Amino acid sequence: MQPNTTATPIVFYRLPRVREICGGVAPSTIWSWVKAGVFPKPIKLAANTTVWNSVDVEAWAQSRIADSRGGEQ
């Protein structure tokens, strides 16, 4: 069996990048959004390593843009 070379690599974002995408909000804001269920849940890779799937964060950002424009894209 040959490896799948057309698969899109998974990209993870750490908290500083997530904050940047979210307009520079405080880390506590990100965590409160996660707790409220309005922001994607993070992935715990190791004891001190928490990341977010880039696809999930980008989809969230696009939905916020669409919502701000009244559902238009």
C-alpha atoms as a PDB file:
ATOM      1  CA  MET A   1       0.000   0.000   0.000  1.00  0.00           C
ATOM      2  CA  GLN A   2       1.368   3.416  -0.978  1.00  0.00           C
ATOM      3  CA  PRO A   3       1.091   6.426   1.331  1.00  0.00           C
ATOM      4  CA  ASN A   4      -1.589   8.975   0.523  1.00  0.00           C
ATOM      5  CA  THR A   5       0.411  11.940  -0.777  1.00  0.00           C
ATOM      6  CA  THR A   6      -2.654  14.062  -1.578  1.00  0.00           C
ATOM      7  CA  ALA A   7      -3.869  14.327   2.012  1.00  0.00           C
ATOM      8  CA  THR A   8      -3.872  17.806   3.488  1.00  0.00           C
ATOM      9  CA  PRO A   9      -1.541  18.006   6.485  1.00  0.00           C
ATOM     10  CA  ILE A  10      -3.135  18.825   9.817  1.00  0.00           C
ATOM     11  CA  VAL A  11      -2.116  22.235  11.095  1.00  0.00           C
ATOM     12  CA  PHE A  12      -2.400  23.196  14.744  1.00  0.00           C
ATOM     13  CA  TYR A  13      -2.520  26.678  16.249  1.00  0.00           C
ATOM     14  CA  ARG A  14      -1.161  27.529  19.685  1.00  0.00           C
ATOM     15  CA  LEU A  15      -2.873  30.160  21.834  1.00  0.00           C
ATOM     16  CA  PRO A  16      -0.900  33.193  20.516  1.00  0.00           C
ATOM     17  CA  ARG A  17      -1.986  32.441  16.931  1.00  0.00           C
ATOM     18  CA  VAL A  18      -5.583  31.817  18.022  1.00  0.00           C
ATOM     19  CA  ARG A  19      -5.593  35.177  19.828  1.00  0.00           C
ATOM     20  CA  GLU A  20      -4.251  36.876  16.711  1.00  0.00           C
ATOM     21  CA  ILE A  21      -7.016  35.388  14.543  1.00  0.00           C
ATOM     22  CA  CYS A  22      -9.601  36.464  17.124  1.00  0.00           C
ATOM     23  CA  GLY A  23      -8.501  40.088  17.027  1.00  0.00           C
ATOM     24  CA  GLY A  24      -6.115  40.037  19.952  1.00  0.00           C
ATOM     25  CA  VAL A  25      -8.625  39.124  22.647  1.00  0.00           C
ATOM     26  CA  ALA A  26      -7.317  38.044  26.049  1.00  0.00           C
ATOM     27  CA  PRO A  27      -6.558  34.368  26.688  1.00  0.00           C
ATOM     28  CA  SER A  28      -9.286  34.350  29.326  1.00  0.00           C
ATOM     29  CA  THR A  29     -11.786  35.388  26.648  1.00  0.00           C
ATOM     30  CA  ILE A  30     -10.796  32.453  24.442  1.00  0.00           C
ATOM     31  CA  TRP A  31     -11.186  30.069  27.380  1.00  0.00           C
ATOM     32  CA  SER A  32     -14.565  31.525  28.358  1.00  0.00           C
ATOM     33  CA  TRP A  33     -15.759  31.100  24.759  1.00  0.00           C
ATOM     34  CA  VAL A  34     -14.594  27.459  24.836  1.00  0.00           C
ATOM     35  CA  LYS A  35     -16.390  26.902  28.143  1.00  0.00           C
ATOM     36  CA  ALA A  36     -19.571  28.516  26.754  1.00  0.00           C
ATOM     37  CA  GLY A  37     -19.407  26.275  23.678  1.00  0.00           C
ATOM     38  CA  VAL A  38     -19.088  29.158  21.195  1.00  0.00           C
ATOM     39  CA  PHE A  39     -15.465  28.489  20.224  1.00  0.00           C
ATOM     40  CA  PRO A  40     -13.834  25.209  19.128  1.00  0.00           C
ATOM     41  CA  LYS A  41     -12.524  22.986  21.888  1.00  0.00           C
ATOM     42  CA  PRO A  42      -8.749  22.667  22.049  1.00  0.00           C
ATOM     43  CA  ILE A  43      -6.745  19.481  21.684  1.00  0.00           C
ATOM     44  CA  LYS A  44      -4.397  18.443  24.472  1.00  0.00           C
ATOM     45  CA  LEU A  45      -1.271  17.058  22.798  1.00  0.00           C
ATOM     46  CA  ALA A  46       0.793  16.724  25.970  1.00  0.00           C
ATOM     47  CA  ALA A  47       0.753  17.847  29.592  1.00  0.00           C
ATOM     48  CA  ASN A  48       1.819  21.411  28.709  1.00  0.00           C
ATOM     49  CA  THR A  49       0.766  21.564  25.073  1.00  0.00           C
ATOM     50  CA  THR A  50      -2.706  22.706  24.076  1.00  0.00           C
ATOM     51  CA  VAL A  51      -3.548  23.428  20.441  1.00  0.00           C
ATOM     52  CA  TRP A  52      -6.524  24.085  18.205  1.00  0.00           C
ATOM     53  CA  ASN A  53      -7.138  22.523  14.804  1.00  0.00           C
ATOM     54  CA  SER A  54      -6.586  25.324  12.274  1.00  0.00           C
ATOM     55  CA  VAL A  55      -9.585  24.228  10.186  1.00  0.00           C
ATOM     56  CA  ASP A  56     -11.894  24.584  13.199  1.00  0.00           C
ATOM     57  CA  VAL A  57     -10.550  28.035  14.119  1.00  0.00           C
ATOM     58  CA  GLU A  58     -10.705  29.304  10.532  1.00  0.00           C
ATOM     59  CA  ALA A  59     -14.282  28.002  10.155  1.00  0.00           C
ATOM     60  CA  TRP A  60     -15.245  29.772  13.386  1.00  0.00           C
ATOM     61  CA  ALA A  61     -13.695  33.024  12.114  1.00  0.00           C
ATOM     62  CA  GLN A  62     -15.518  32.732   8.785  1.00  0.00           C
ATOM     63  CA  SER A  63     -18.816  32.141  10.588  1.00  0.00           C
ATOM     64  CA  ARG A  64     -18.252  35.270  12.685  1.00  0.00           C
ATOM     65  CA  ILE A  65     -17.573  37.273   9.519  1.00  0.00           C
ATOM     66  CA  ALA A  66     -20.716  35.889   7.874  1.00  0.00           C
ATOM     67  CA  ASP A  67     -22.805  36.615  10.985  1.00  0.00           C
ATOM     68  CA  SER A  68     -21.534  40.195  11.101  1.00  0.00           C
ATOM     69  CA  ARG A  69     -22.620  40.686   7.501  1.00  0.00           C
ATOM     70  CA  GLY A  70     -26.078  39.315   8.104  1.00  0.00           C
ATOM     71  CA  GLY A  71     -25.312  35.823   6.819  1.00  0.00           C
ATOM     72  CA  GLU A  72     -23.697  36.958   3.547  1.00  0.00           C
ATOM     73  CA  GLN A  73     -20.313  35.584   2.420  1.00  0.00           C
END
